[in-house]
PDB file of N, CA and C in Angstrom:
ATOM      1  N   UNK A   1     -13.971   4.315 -16.519  1.00  0.00           N
ATOM      2  CA  UNK A   1     -13.487   5.256 -16.085  1.00  0.00           C
ATOM      3  C   UNK A   1     -13.136   6.393 -17.717  1.00  0.00           C
ATOM      4  N   UNK A   2     -14.166   7.136 -18.110  1.00  0.00           N
ATOM      5  CA  UNK A   2     -14.117   7.467 -19.518  1.00  0.00           C
ATOM      6  C   UNK A   2     -13.722   9.423 -18.948  1.00  0.00           C
ATOM      7  N   UNK A   3     -14.227   9.742 -17.732  1.00  0.00           N
ATOM      8  CA  UNK A   3     -13.823  11.042 -17.826  1.00  0.00           C
ATOM      9  C   UNK A   3     -12.465  11.308 -17.153  1.00  0.00           C
ATOM     10  N   UNK A   4     -11.629  12.346 -17.742  1.00  0.00           N
ATOM     11  CA  UNK A   4     -10.218  12.680 -17.479  1.00  0.00           C
ATOM     12  C   UNK A   4     -10.058  12.607 -15.776  1.00  0.00           C
ATOM     13  N   UNK A   5     -10.525  13.346 -15.353  1.00  0.00           N
ATOM     14  CA  UNK A   5     -10.645  13.882 -13.652  1.00  0.00           C
ATOM     15  C   UNK A   5     -10.598  12.419 -13.087  1.00  0.00           C
ATOM     16  N   UNK A   6     -11.022  11.062 -13.457  1.00  0.00           N
ATOM     17  CA  UNK A   6     -10.804   9.844 -13.023  1.00  0.00           C
ATOM     18  C   UNK A   6      -9.916   9.250 -13.100  1.00  0.00           C
ATOM     19  N   UNK A   7      -9.392   9.237 -14.614  1.00  0.00           N
ATOM     20  CA  UNK A   7      -7.885   8.676 -14.631  1.00  0.00           C
ATOM     21  C   UNK A   7      -6.730   9.679 -14.247  1.00  0.00           C
ATOM     22  N   UNK A   8      -7.031  10.635 -13.927  1.00  0.00           N
ATOM     23  CA  UNK A   8      -5.804  11.603 -13.305  1.00  0.00           C
ATOM     24  C   UNK A   8      -5.860  10.860 -11.902  1.00  0.00           C
ATOM     25  N   UNK A   9      -7.013  11.051 -11.042  1.00  0.00           N
ATOM     26  CA  UNK A   9      -7.095  10.732  -9.835  1.00  0.00           C
ATOM     27  C   UNK A   9      -6.718   9.233  -9.441  1.00  0.00           C
ATOM     28  N   UNK A  10      -7.212   8.078 -10.349  1.00  0.00           N
ATOM     29  CA  UNK A  10      -7.018   7.088 -10.426  1.00  0.00           C
ATOM     30  C   UNK A  10      -5.256   6.918 -10.770  1.00  0.00           C
ATOM     31  N   UNK A  11      -4.633   7.489 -11.392  1.00  0.00           N
ATOM     32  CA  UNK A  11      -3.046   7.514 -11.682  1.00  0.00           C
ATOM     33  C   UNK A  11      -2.495   7.825 -10.178  1.00  0.00           C
ATOM     34  N   UNK A  12      -3.014   9.184  -9.990  1.00  0.00           N
ATOM     35  CA  UNK A  12      -2.206   9.064  -8.756  1.00  0.00           C
ATOM     36  C   UNK A  12      -2.239   8.412  -7.480  1.00  0.00           C
ATOM     37  N   UNK A  13      -3.479   7.882  -7.252  1.00  0.00           N
ATOM     38  CA  UNK A  13      -3.774   6.893  -6.083  1.00  0.00           C
ATOM     39  C   UNK A  13      -2.798   5.822  -6.542  1.00  0.00           C
ATOM     40  N   UNK A  14      -2.701   5.107  -7.687  1.00  0.00           N
ATOM     41  CA  UNK A  14      -1.740   4.238  -7.938  1.00  0.00           C
ATOM     42  C   UNK A  14      -0.153   4.364  -8.000  1.00  0.00           C
ATOM     43  N   UNK A  15      -0.194   5.678  -8.347  1.00  0.00           N
ATOM     44  CA  UNK A  15       1.370   6.094  -8.045  1.00  0.00           C
ATOM     45  C   UNK A  15       1.673   6.117  -6.713  1.00  0.00           C
ATOM     46  N   UNK A  16       1.136   6.491  -5.774  1.00  0.00           N
ATOM     47  CA  UNK A  16       1.616   6.527  -4.312  1.00  0.00           C
ATOM     48  C   UNK A  16       1.818   4.824  -3.937  1.00  0.00           C
ATOM     49  N   UNK A  17       0.644   4.387  -4.392  1.00  0.00           N
ATOM     50  CA  UNK A  17       0.528   2.851  -3.922  1.00  0.00           C
ATOM     51  C   UNK A  17       1.910   2.361  -4.552  1.00  0.00           C
ATOM     52  N   UNK A  18       2.332   2.292  -5.666  1.00  0.00           N
ATOM     53  CA  UNK A  18       3.422   2.157  -6.073  1.00  0.00           C
ATOM     54  C   UNK A  18       4.752   2.389  -5.214  1.00  0.00           C
ATOM     55  N   UNK A  19       4.718   3.765  -5.204  1.00  0.00           N
ATOM     56  CA  UNK A  19       5.841   4.088  -3.805  1.00  0.00           C
ATOM     57  C   UNK A  19       5.580   3.397  -2.616  1.00  0.00           C
ATOM     58  N   UNK A  20       4.370   3.195  -2.169  1.00  0.00           N
ATOM     59  CA  UNK A  20       4.166   2.468  -0.984  1.00  0.00           C
ATOM     60  C   UNK A  20       4.517   0.846  -1.061  1.00  0.00           C
ATOM     61  N   UNK A  21       4.665   0.418  -2.227  1.00  0.00           N
ATOM     62  CA  UNK A  21       5.068  -0.926  -2.284  1.00  0.00           C
ATOM     63  C   UNK A  21       7.044  -1.115  -2.147  1.00  0.00           C
ATOM     64  N   UNK A  22       7.296  -0.075  -2.959  1.00  0.00           N
ATOM     65  CA  UNK A  22       8.834   0.478  -3.006  1.00  0.00           C
ATOM     66  C   UNK A  22       8.913   0.181  -1.674  1.00  0.00           C
ATOM     67  N   UNK A  23       8.564   1.294  -0.993  1.00  0.00           N
ATOM     68  CA  UNK A  23       8.752   1.465   0.738  1.00  0.00           C
ATOM     69  C   UNK A  23       8.640   0.298   1.185  1.00  0.00           C
ATOM     70  N   UNK A  24       7.593  -0.818   1.464  1.00  0.00           N
ATOM     71  CA  UNK A  24       7.808  -1.804   1.867  1.00  0.00           C
ATOM     72  C   UNK A  24       8.772  -2.546   1.978  1.00  0.00           C
ATOM     73  N   UNK A  25       9.148  -2.769   0.431  1.00  0.00           N
ATOM     74  CA  UNK A  25      10.303  -3.613   0.278  1.00  0.00           C
ATOM     75  C   UNK A  25      11.602  -3.335   0.644  1.00  0.00           C
ATOM     76  N   UNK A  26      11.578  -1.649   0.973  1.00  0.00           N
ATOM     77  CA  UNK A  26      13.021  -1.435   1.726  1.00  0.00           C
ATOM     78  C   UNK A  26      13.121  -1.749   3.088  1.00  0.00           C
ATOM     79  N   UNK A  27      11.709  -2.045   3.824  1.00  0.00           N
ATOM     80  CA  UNK A  27      11.588  -1.577   4.899  1.00  0.00           C
ATOM     81  C   UNK A  27      12.020  -3.176   5.319  1.00  0.00           C
ATOM     82  N   UNK A  28      11.542  -3.889   4.783  1.00  0.00           N
ATOM     83  CA  UNK A  28      11.501  -5.806   5.090  1.00  0.00           C
ATOM     84  C   UNK A  28      12.762  -5.872   4.752  1.00  0.00           C
ATOM     85  N   UNK A  29      13.702  -5.381   3.970  1.00  0.00           N
ATOM     86  CA  UNK A  29      15.104  -5.625   3.707  1.00  0.00           C
ATOM     87  C   UNK A  29      16.255  -5.161   4.315  1.00  0.00           C
ATOM     88  N   UNK A  30      15.937  -3.479   4.948  1.00  0.00           N
ATOM     89  CA  UNK A  30      16.750  -3.286   5.791  1.00  0.00           C
ATOM     90  C   UNK A  30      16.707  -3.565   7.384  1.00  0.00           C
ATOM     91  N   UNK A  31      18.032  -3.658   7.860  1.00  0.00           N
ATOM     92  CA  UNK A  31      18.101  -4.348   9.019  1.00  0.00           C
ATOM     93  C   UNK A  31      18.683  -3.268   9.839  1.00  0.00           C
ATOM     94  N   UNK A  32      19.454  -2.303   9.342  1.00  0.00           N
ATOM     95  CA  UNK A  32      20.079  -1.194  10.168  1.00  0.00           C
ATOM     96  C   UNK A  32      18.815  -0.278  10.564  1.00  0.00           C
ATOM     97  N   UNK A  33      18.530  -0.114  12.259  1.00  0.00           N
ATOM     98  CA  UNK A  33      17.531   0.768  12.544  1.00  0.00           C
ATOM     99  C   UNK A  33      17.403   1.979  11.668  1.00  0.00           C
ATOM    100  N   UNK A  34      18.239   3.270  11.344  1.00  0.00           N
ATOM    101  CA  UNK A  34      18.019   4.437  10.406  1.00  0.00           C
ATOM    102  C   UNK A  34      17.114   3.573   9.147  1.00  0.00           C
ATOM    103  N   UNK A  35      17.789   2.721   8.493  1.00  0.00           N
ATOM    104  CA  UNK A  35      17.352   2.484   7.248  1.00  0.00           C
ATOM    105  C   UNK A  35      15.743   2.154   7.847  1.00  0.00           C
ATOM    106  N   UNK A  36      15.162   1.413   8.439  1.00  0.00           N
ATOM    107  CA  UNK A  36      14.439   0.572   9.055  1.00  0.00           C
ATOM    108  C   UNK A  36      13.529   2.029   9.005  1.00  0.00           C
ATOM    109  N   UNK A  37      13.950   2.910   9.949  1.00  0.00           N
ATOM    110  CA  UNK A  37      12.899   4.137  10.190  1.00  0.00           C
ATOM    111  C   UNK A  37      12.801   5.047   8.824  1.00  0.00           C
ATOM    112  N   UNK A  38      13.654   5.447   8.513  1.00  0.00           N
ATOM    113  CA  UNK A  38      13.541   6.375   7.007  1.00  0.00           C
ATOM    114  C   UNK A  38      12.275   5.073   6.284  1.00  0.00           C
ATOM    115  N   UNK A  39      12.755   3.766   5.815  1.00  0.00           N
ATOM    116  CA  UNK A  39      11.711   3.127   5.255  1.00  0.00           C
ATOM    117  C   UNK A  39       9.948   2.982   5.505  1.00  0.00           C
ATOM    118  N   UNK A  40      10.078   3.123   7.139  1.00  0.00           N
ATOM    119  CA  UNK A  40       8.527   3.216   7.542  1.00  0.00           C
ATOM    120  C   UNK A  40       8.032   4.707   7.596  1.00  0.00           C
ATOM    121  N   UNK A  41       8.846   5.515   7.559  1.00  0.00           N
ATOM    122  CA  UNK A  41       8.078   7.132   7.332  1.00  0.00           C
ATOM    123  C   UNK A  41       7.953   7.420   6.320  1.00  0.00           C
ATOM    124  N   UNK A  42       8.613   6.677   5.280  1.00  0.00           N
ATOM    125  CA  UNK A  42       8.174   7.221   3.906  1.00  0.00           C
ATOM    126  C   UNK A  42       7.117   6.232   3.440  1.00  0.00           C
ATOM    127  N   UNK A  43       7.034   5.076   3.945  1.00  0.00           N
ATOM    128  CA  UNK A  43       5.696   3.911   3.832  1.00  0.00           C
ATOM    129  C   UNK A  43       4.570   4.477   4.400  1.00  0.00           C
ATOM    130  N   UNK A  44       4.842   5.266   5.347  1.00  0.00           N
ATOM    131  CA  UNK A  44       3.532   5.846   5.950  1.00  0.00           C
ATOM    132  C   UNK A  44       3.052   7.371   5.158  1.00  0.00           C
ATOM    133  N   UNK A  45       3.991   7.562   4.491  1.00  0.00           N
ATOM    134  CA  UNK A  45       3.709   8.973   3.849  1.00  0.00           C
ATOM    135  C   UNK A  45       3.083   8.582   2.719  1.00  0.00           C
ATOM    136  N   UNK A  46       3.406   7.680   1.675  1.00  0.00           N
ATOM    137  CA  UNK A  46       2.922   7.420   0.687  1.00  0.00           C
ATOM    138  C   UNK A  46       1.667   6.502   0.995  1.00  0.00           C
ATOM    139  N   UNK A  47       1.411   6.023   2.018  1.00  0.00           N
ATOM    140  CA  UNK A  47       0.191   5.624   2.425  1.00  0.00           C
ATOM    141  C   UNK A  47      -0.817   6.410   2.960  1.00  0.00           C
ATOM    142  N   UNK A  48      -0.733   7.441   3.523  1.00  0.00           N
ATOM    143  CA  UNK A  48      -1.420   8.478   3.933  1.00  0.00           C
ATOM    144  C   UNK A  48      -1.699   9.481   2.749  1.00  0.00           C
ATOM    145  N   UNK A  49      -0.697   9.787   1.681  1.00  0.00           N
ATOM    146  CA  UNK A  49      -1.470  10.226   0.743  1.00  0.00           C
ATOM    147  C   UNK A  49      -1.803   9.327  -0.691  1.00  0.00           C
ATOM    148  N   UNK A  50      -1.620   8.141  -0.535  1.00  0.00           N
ATOM    149  CA  UNK A  50      -2.834   7.418  -1.191  1.00  0.00           C
ATOM    150  C   UNK A  50      -4.150   7.046  -0.554  1.00  0.00           C
ATOM    151  N   UNK A  51      -4.492   7.450   0.962  1.00  0.00           N
ATOM    152  CA  UNK A  51      -5.337   7.381   1.292  1.00  0.00           C
ATOM    153  C   UNK A  51      -6.290   8.270   1.150  1.00  0.00           C
ATOM    154  N   UNK A  52      -5.501   9.881   0.925  1.00  0.00           N
ATOM    155  CA  UNK A  52      -6.096  10.924   0.249  1.00  0.00           C
ATOM    156  C   UNK A  52      -6.599  11.077  -0.627  1.00  0.00           C
ATOM    157  N   UNK A  53      -6.042  10.589  -2.023  1.00  0.00           N
ATOM    158  CA  UNK A  53      -6.152  10.294  -3.363  1.00  0.00           C
ATOM    159  C   UNK A  53      -7.195   9.761  -3.405  1.00  0.00           C
ATOM    160  N   UNK A  54      -7.112   8.502  -2.597  1.00  0.00           N
ATOM    161  CA  UNK A  54      -8.323   7.130  -2.445  1.00  0.00           C
ATOM    162  C   UNK A  54     -10.039   8.040  -2.620  1.00  0.00           C
ATOM    163  N   UNK A  55      -9.765   8.757  -1.334  1.00  0.00           N
ATOM    164  CA  UNK A  55     -11.157   9.536  -0.994  1.00  0.00           C
ATOM    165  C   UNK A  55     -11.707  10.672  -2.001  1.00  0.00           C
ATOM    166  N   UNK A  56     -10.442  11.345  -2.515  1.00  0.00           N
ATOM    167  CA  UNK A  56     -10.762  12.094  -3.850  1.00  0.00           C
ATOM    168  C   UNK A  56     -11.443  11.588  -4.995  1.00  0.00           C
ATOM    169  N   UNK A  57     -10.629   9.919  -5.190  1.00  0.00           N
ATOM    170  CA  UNK A  57     -10.933   9.164  -6.333  1.00  0.00           C
ATOM    171  C   UNK A  57     -12.678   8.639  -5.817  1.00  0.00           C
ATOM    172  N   UNK A  58     -12.873   8.423  -4.888  1.00  0.00           N
ATOM    173  CA  UNK A  58     -14.292   8.286  -4.708  1.00  0.00           C
ATOM    174  C   UNK A  58     -15.420   8.882  -4.491  1.00  0.00           C
ATOM    175  N   UNK A  59     -14.708  10.014  -4.502  1.00  0.00           N
ATOM    176  CA  UNK A  59     -15.888  11.254  -4.857  1.00  0.00           C
ATOM    177  C   UNK A  59     -16.181  11.638  -5.934  1.00  0.00           C
ATOM    178  N   UNK A  60     -15.337  11.160  -6.979  1.00  0.00           N
ATOM    179  CA  UNK A  60     -15.265  11.380  -8.010  1.00  0.00           C
ATOM    180  C   UNK A  60     -16.027  10.373  -8.898  1.00  0.00           C
ATOM    181  N   UNK A  61     -15.519   9.080  -8.251  1.00  0.00           N
ATOM    182  CA  UNK A  61     -16.450   8.040  -8.918  1.00  0.00           C
ATOM    183  C   UNK A  61     -18.006   7.593  -8.278  1.00  0.00           C
ATOM    184  N   UNK A  62     -18.228   8.017  -7.337  1.00  0.00           N
ATOM    185  CA  UNK A  62     -19.753   7.984  -6.755  1.00  0.00           C
ATOM    186  C   UNK A  62     -20.680   8.376  -7.980  1.00  0.00           C
ATOM    187  N   UNK A  63     -21.479   7.411  -8.199  1.00  0.00           N
ATOM    188  CA  UNK A  63     -22.729   8.106  -9.057  1.00  0.00           C
ATOM    189  C   UNK A  63     -23.977   7.149  -8.588  1.00  0.00           C
ATOM    190  N   UNK A  64     -24.948   7.838  -8.931  1.00  0.00           N
ATOM    191  CA  UNK A  64     -26.210   7.070  -8.736  1.00  0.00           C
ATOM    192  C   UNK A  64     -26.336   6.443  -9.809  1.00  0.00           C
ATOM    193  N   UNK A  65     -26.529   4.683  -9.505  1.00  0.00           N
ATOM    194  CA  UNK A  65     -26.855   3.916 -10.330  1.00  0.00           C
ATOM    195  C   UNK A  65     -28.142   4.072 -11.576  1.00  0.00           C
ATOM    196  N   UNK A  66     -28.918   4.992 -11.542  1.00  0.00           N
ATOM    197  CA  UNK A  66     -29.989   5.685 -12.258  1.00  0.00           C
ATOM    198  C   UNK A  66     -29.380   6.364 -13.339  1.00  0.00           C
ATOM    199  N   UNK A  67     -28.431   7.079 -13.045  1.00  0.00           N
ATOM    200  CA  UNK A  67     -27.666   8.048 -13.577  1.00  0.00           C
ATOM    201  C   UNK A  67     -26.862   7.701 -14.668  1.00  0.00           C
ATOM    202  N   UNK A  68     -25.810   6.845 -14.027  1.00  0.00           N
ATOM    203  CA  UNK A  68     -24.554   6.380 -14.896  1.00  0.00           C
ATOM    204  C   UNK A  68     -24.916   4.851 -14.332  1.00  0.00           C
ATOM    205  N   UNK A  69     -25.619   4.194 -14.997  1.00  0.00           N
ATOM    206  CA  UNK A  69     -25.921   2.798 -14.782  1.00  0.00           C
ATOM    207  C   UNK A  69     -24.647   1.576 -15.472  1.00  0.00           C
ATOM    208  N   UNK A  70     -24.079   2.032 -16.187  1.00  0.00           N
ATOM    209  CA  UNK A  70     -22.788   1.320 -16.997  1.00  0.00           C
ATOM    210  C   UNK A  70     -21.484   1.432 -16.115  1.00  0.00           C
ATOM    211  N   UNK A  71     -20.911   0.148 -15.743  1.00  0.00           N
ATOM    212  CA  UNK A  71     -19.651   0.363 -14.571  1.00  0.00           C
ATOM    213  C   UNK A  71     -19.800   0.727 -13.337  1.00  0.00           C
ATOM    214  N   UNK A  72     -21.084   1.196 -12.402  1.00  0.00           N
ATOM    215  CA  UNK A  72     -21.452   1.368 -11.315  1.00  0.00           C
ATOM    216  C   UNK A  72     -20.727   0.597 -10.135  1.00  0.00           C
ATOM    217  N   UNK A  73     -20.913  -0.995 -10.581  1.00  0.00           N
ATOM    218  CA  UNK A  73     -20.423  -1.963  -9.573  1.00  0.00           C
ATOM    219  C   UNK A  73     -18.974  -2.220  -9.612  1.00  0.00           C
ATOM    220  N   UNK A  74     -18.242  -1.683 -10.729  1.00  0.00           N
ATOM    221  CA  UNK A  74     -16.758  -2.069 -11.243  1.00  0.00           C
ATOM    222  C   UNK A  74     -16.033  -0.865 -10.846  1.00  0.00           C
ATOM    223  N   UNK A  75     -16.691   0.450 -10.608  1.00  0.00           N
ATOM    224  CA  UNK A  75     -15.969   1.366  -9.734  1.00  0.00           C
ATOM    225  C   UNK A  75     -15.735   1.247  -8.099  1.00  0.00           C
ATOM    226  N   UNK A  76     -16.802   0.961  -7.577  1.00  0.00           N
ATOM    227  CA  UNK A  76     -16.819   0.285  -5.725  1.00  0.00           C
ATOM    228  C   UNK A  76     -16.267  -0.640  -6.161  1.00  0.00           C
ATOM    229  N   UNK A  77     -15.917  -1.596  -6.858  1.00  0.00           N
ATOM    230  CA  UNK A  77     -14.382  -2.784  -6.515  1.00  0.00           C
ATOM    231  C   UNK A  77     -13.695  -2.522  -6.873  1.00  0.00           C
ATOM    232  N   UNK A  78     -13.111  -1.234  -7.836  1.00  0.00           N
ATOM    233  CA  UNK A  78     -11.690  -0.572  -7.784  1.00  0.00           C
ATOM    234  C   UNK A  78     -11.355   0.028  -6.312  1.00  0.00           C
ATOM    235  N   UNK A  79     -12.569   0.205  -5.892  1.00  0.00           N
ATOM    236  CA  UNK A  79     -11.826   1.747  -4.571  1.00  0.00           C
ATOM    237  C   UNK A  79     -11.546   0.358  -3.299  1.00  0.00           C
ATOM    238  N   UNK A  80     -12.186  -0.662  -3.607  1.00  0.00           N
ATOM    239  CA  UNK A  80     -12.494  -1.733  -2.507  1.00  0.00           C
ATOM    240  C   UNK A  80     -10.941  -2.324  -2.708  1.00  0.00           C
ATOM    241  N   UNK A  81     -10.644  -2.733  -3.919  1.00  0.00           N
ATOM    242  CA  UNK A  81      -9.055  -3.306  -4.061  1.00  0.00           C
ATOM    243  C   UNK A  81      -8.191  -2.451  -3.563  1.00  0.00           C
ATOM    244  N   UNK A  82      -8.498  -0.933  -4.179  1.00  0.00           N
ATOM    245  CA  UNK A  82      -7.309  -0.428  -3.663  1.00  0.00           C
ATOM    246  C   UNK A  82      -7.035   0.127  -2.089  1.00  0.00           C
ATOM    247  N   UNK A  83      -8.356   0.232  -1.207  1.00  0.00           N
ATOM    248  CA  UNK A  83      -8.618   0.314   0.167  1.00  0.00           C
ATOM    249  C   UNK A  83      -7.826  -0.988   1.044  1.00  0.00           C
ATOM    250  N   UNK A  84      -8.123  -2.178   0.114  1.00  0.00           N
ATOM    251  CA  UNK A  84      -7.670  -3.627   0.887  1.00  0.00           C
ATOM    252  C   UNK A  84      -6.015  -3.203   0.527  1.00  0.00           C
ATOM    253  N   UNK A  85      -5.489  -2.922  -0.721  1.00  0.00           N
ATOM    254  CA  UNK A  85      -3.940  -3.274  -0.866  1.00  0.00           C
ATOM    255  C   UNK A  85      -3.334  -2.274   0.044  1.00  0.00           C
ATOM    256  N   UNK A  86      -3.890  -0.956   0.275  1.00  0.00           N
ATOM    257  CA  UNK A  86      -3.318   0.250   0.981  1.00  0.00           C
ATOM    258  C   UNK A  86      -3.305  -0.184   2.379  1.00  0.00           C
ATOM    259  N   UNK A  87      -4.378  -1.169   2.900  1.00  0.00           N
ATOM    260  CA  UNK A  87      -4.454  -1.655   4.378  1.00  0.00           C
ATOM    261  C   UNK A  87      -3.331  -2.625   4.469  1.00  0.00           C
ATOM    262  N   UNK A  88      -3.185  -3.758   3.382  1.00  0.00           N
ATOM    263  CA  UNK A  88      -1.961  -4.824   4.016  1.00  0.00           C
ATOM    264  C   UNK A  88      -0.744  -4.131   3.531  1.00  0.00           C
ATOM    265  N   UNK A  89      -0.477  -2.867   3.075  1.00  0.00           N
ATOM    266  CA  UNK A  89       1.377  -2.585   3.342  1.00  0.00           C
ATOM    267  C   UNK A  89       0.707  -1.390   4.495  1.00  0.00           C
ATOM    268  N   UNK A  90       0.401  -1.348   5.320  1.00  0.00           N
ATOM    269  CA  UNK A  90       0.349  -1.106   6.823  1.00  0.00           C
ATOM    270  C   UNK A  90       1.062  -1.280   7.648  1.00  0.00           C
ATOM    271  N   UNK A  91       2.350  -0.768   7.866  1.00  0.00           N
ATOM    272  CA  UNK A  91       3.336  -1.375   8.816  1.00  0.00           C
ATOM    273  C   UNK A  91       2.598  -2.127   9.973  1.00  0.00           C
ATOM    274  N   UNK A  92       3.083  -3.060  10.390  1.00  0.00           N
ATOM    275  CA  UNK A  92       2.271  -4.554  11.329  1.00  0.00           C
ATOM    276  C   UNK A  92       1.244  -4.755  11.365  1.00  0.00           C
ATOM    277  N   UNK A  93       0.766  -4.797  10.072  1.00  0.00           N
ATOM    278  CA  UNK A  93      -0.581  -5.397   9.614  1.00  0.00           C
ATOM    279  C   UNK A  93      -0.267  -6.976   9.113  1.00  0.00           C
ATOM    280  N   UNK A  94      -0.816  -7.779   9.409  1.00  0.00           N
ATOM    281  CA  UNK A  94      -0.511  -9.336   9.229  1.00  0.00           C
ATOM    282  C   UNK A  94      -1.470  -9.583   8.142  1.00  0.00           C
ATOM    283  N   UNK A  95      -0.634 -10.143   6.837  1.00  0.00           N
ATOM    284  CA  UNK A  95      -1.775 -10.278   5.804  1.00  0.00           C
ATOM    285  C   UNK A  95      -1.785 -12.103   5.711  1.00  0.00           C
ATOM    286  N   UNK A  96      -2.766 -12.742   5.693  1.00  0.00           N
ATOM    287  CA  UNK A  96      -3.424 -14.074   5.579  1.00  0.00           C
ATOM    288  C   UNK A  96      -3.414 -14.459   3.974  1.00  0.00           C
ATOM    289  N   UNK A  97      -2.544 -15.257   3.378  1.00  0.00           N
ATOM    290  CA  UNK A  97      -2.301 -15.225   2.024  1.00  0.00           C
ATOM    291  C   UNK A  97      -3.106 -16.815   1.760  1.00  0.00           C
ATOM    292  N   UNK A  98      -3.318 -17.773   2.960  1.00  0.00           N
ATOM    293  CA  UNK A  98      -4.045 -18.759   2.710  1.00  0.00           C
ATOM    294  C   UNK A  98      -4.071 -19.178   3.939  1.00  0.00           C
ATOM    295  N   UNK A  99      -5.236 -20.117   4.499  1.00  0.00           N
ATOM    296  CA  UNK A  99      -5.816 -20.490   5.650  1.00  0.00           C
ATOM    297  C   UNK A  99      -4.285 -20.642   6.561  1.00  0.00           C
ATOM    298  N   UNK A 100      -4.512 -19.874   8.046  1.00  0.00           N
ATOM    299  CA  UNK A 100      -3.403 -20.572   8.312  1.00  0.00           C
ATOM    300  C   UNK A 100      -2.218 -19.936   8.454  1.00  0.00           C
ATOM    301  N   UNK A 101      -1.874 -19.172   7.380  1.00  0.00           N
ATOM    302  CA  UNK A 101      -0.786 -18.471   6.951  1.00  0.00           C
ATOM    303  C   UNK A 101      -0.715 -17.032   7.204  1.00  0.00           C
ATOM    304  N   UNK A 102       0.340 -16.790   7.926  1.00  0.00           N
ATOM    305  CA  UNK A 102       0.326 -15.354   8.510  1.00  0.00           C
ATOM    306  C   UNK A 102       1.747 -14.475   7.815  1.00  0.00           C
ATOM    307  N   UNK A 103       1.587 -13.526   7.319  1.00  0.00           N
ATOM    308  CA  UNK A 103       2.468 -12.906   6.844  1.00  0.00           C
ATOM    309  C   UNK A 103       2.423 -11.494   7.460  1.00  0.00           C
ATOM    310  N   UNK A 104       3.342 -10.763   7.621  1.00  0.00           N
ATOM    311  CA  UNK A 104       3.604  -9.456   8.190  1.00  0.00           C
ATOM    312  C   UNK A 104       5.247  -8.886   7.723  1.00  0.00           C
ATOM    313  N   UNK A 105       5.251  -7.626   7.790  1.00  0.00           N
ATOM    314  CA  UNK A 105       6.130  -6.868   7.380  1.00  0.00           C
ATOM    315  C   UNK A 105       7.506  -6.835   7.993  1.00  0.00           C
ATOM    316  N   UNK A 106       7.142  -7.468   9.520  1.00  0.00           N
ATOM    317  CA  UNK A 106       7.735  -7.960  10.848  1.00  0.00           C
ATOM    318  C   UNK A 106       9.120  -8.411   9.903  1.00  0.00           C
ATOM    319  N   UNK A 107      10.321  -8.170  10.262  1.00  0.00           N
ATOM    320  CA  UNK A 107      11.892  -9.086   9.947  1.00  0.00           C
ATOM    321  C   UNK A 107      11.750 -10.377  10.208  1.00  0.00           C
ATOM    322  N   UNK A 108      11.151 -11.444   9.022  1.00  0.00           N
ATOM    323  CA  UNK A 108      11.395 -12.906   9.220  1.00  0.00           C
ATOM    324  C   UNK A 108      12.811 -13.413  10.121  1.00  0.00           C
ATOM    325  N   UNK A 109      12.426 -14.117  10.937  1.00  0.00           N
ATOM    326  CA  UNK A 109      13.708 -14.935  11.986  1.00  0.00           C
ATOM    327  C   UNK A 109      15.184 -15.099  11.369  1.00  0.00           C
ATOM    328  N   UNK A 110      15.756 -15.404  10.535  1.00  0.00           N
ATOM    329  CA  UNK A 110      16.813 -15.470   9.470  1.00  0.00           C
ATOM    330  C   UNK A 110      17.183 -13.853   9.378  1.00  0.00           C
ATOM    331  N   UNK A 111      16.554 -12.999   8.904  1.00  0.00           N
ATOM    332  CA  UNK A 111      16.779 -11.560   8.717  1.00  0.00           C
ATOM    333  C   UNK A 111      17.193 -11.177   9.849  1.00  0.00           C
ATOM    334  N   UNK A 112      16.605 -11.638  11.280  1.00  0.00           N
ATOM    335  CA  UNK A 112      16.586 -10.963  12.185  1.00  0.00           C
ATOM    336  C   UNK A 112      17.882 -11.411  12.820  1.00  0.00           C
ATOM    337  N   UNK A 113      18.318 -12.674  13.036  1.00  0.00           N
ATOM    338  CA  UNK A 113      19.373 -12.907  13.381  1.00  0.00           C
ATOM    339  C   UNK A 113      20.698 -12.402  12.379  1.00  0.00           C
ATOM    340  N   UNK A 114      20.520 -12.049  11.203  1.00  0.00           N
ATOM    341  CA  UNK A 114      21.238 -11.518  10.459  1.00  0.00           C
ATOM    342  C   UNK A 114      21.501 -10.148  11.179  1.00  0.00           C
ATOM    343  N   UNK A 115      20.576  -9.398  11.409  1.00  0.00           N
ATOM    344  CA  UNK A 115      20.585  -8.260  11.922  1.00  0.00           C
ATOM    345  C   UNK A 115      21.686  -8.181  12.957  1.00  0.00           C
ATOM    346  N   UNK A 116      21.562  -8.817  13.931  1.00  0.00           N
ATOM    347  CA  UNK A 116      22.576  -9.646  15.124  1.00  0.00           C
ATOM    348  C   UNK A 116      23.425  -9.195  14.763  1.00  0.00           C
ATOM    349  N   UNK A 117      24.465  -9.997  13.869  1.00  0.00           N
ATOM    350  CA  UNK A 117      25.600  -9.937  13.518  1.00  0.00           C
ATOM    351  C   UNK A 117      26.144  -8.752  12.489  1.00  0.00           C
ATOM    352  N   UNK A 118      25.262  -8.122  11.938  1.00  0.00           N
ATOM    353  CA  UNK A 118      25.719  -7.075  11.061  1.00  0.00           C
ATOM    354  C   UNK A 118      24.846  -5.835  10.956  1.00  0.00           C
ATOM    355  N   UNK A 119      25.104  -5.479  11.954  1.00  0.00           N
ATOM    356  CA  UNK A 119      23.804  -3.970  12.327  1.00  0.00           C
ATOM    357  C   UNK A 119      23.667  -2.989  11.587  1.00  0.00           C
ATOM    358  N   UNK A 120      24.986  -2.794  10.596  1.00  0.00           N
ATOM    359  CA  UNK A 120      25.032  -1.600  10.000  1.00  0.00           C
ATOM    360  C   UNK A 120      25.053  -1.880   8.523  1.00  0.00           C
ATOM    361  N   UNK A 121      24.511  -3.107   7.784  1.00  0.00           N
ATOM    362  CA  UNK A 121      24.645  -3.555   6.347  1.00  0.00           C
ATOM    363  C   UNK A 121      22.625  -3.686   6.236  1.00  0.00           C
ATOM    364  N   UNK A 122      22.649  -3.466   5.157  1.00  0.00           N
ATOM    365  CA  UNK A 122      21.170  -4.151   4.539  1.00  0.00           C
ATOM    366  C   UNK A 122      21.059  -5.254   3.543  1.00  0.00           C
ATOM    367  N   UNK A 123      20.311  -6.060   3.511  1.00  0.00           N
ATOM    368  CA  UNK A 123      19.933  -6.964   2.614  1.00  0.00           C
ATOM    369  C   UNK A 123      19.929  -6.434   1.281  1.00  0.00           C
ATOM    370  N   UNK A 124      20.245  -7.193   0.322  1.00  0.00           N
ATOM    371  CA  UNK A 124      20.324  -6.839  -1.070  1.00  0.00           C
ATOM    372  C   UNK A 124      19.448  -7.885  -1.721  1.00  0.00           C
TER     373      UNK A 124
END
């Protein structure tokens, strides 16, 4: 990542992913409908911006290995990891952390029960 444009674009994608992680956290901790809708909308907005930034970053990082042999596999791997993180933050996407375990952004059962009791508050 020697070119300034590469660093600027990577920083932009990481900034959007950071905001998406924050929105993801809001989505799973708010159980009032309005807060959840707002968090999901913000999450989708940041994920869309991250996808657009990733596309622009991929164009800047694309290189012919014969012309720029140093680091070309790492550039591809970086884009691959960004893509994986972005997909795992998509609302409704289940994430496998170990064989047989599935996690999702959907509200855990305990939180769901709390939602039914206190519909206007959010978890801290």
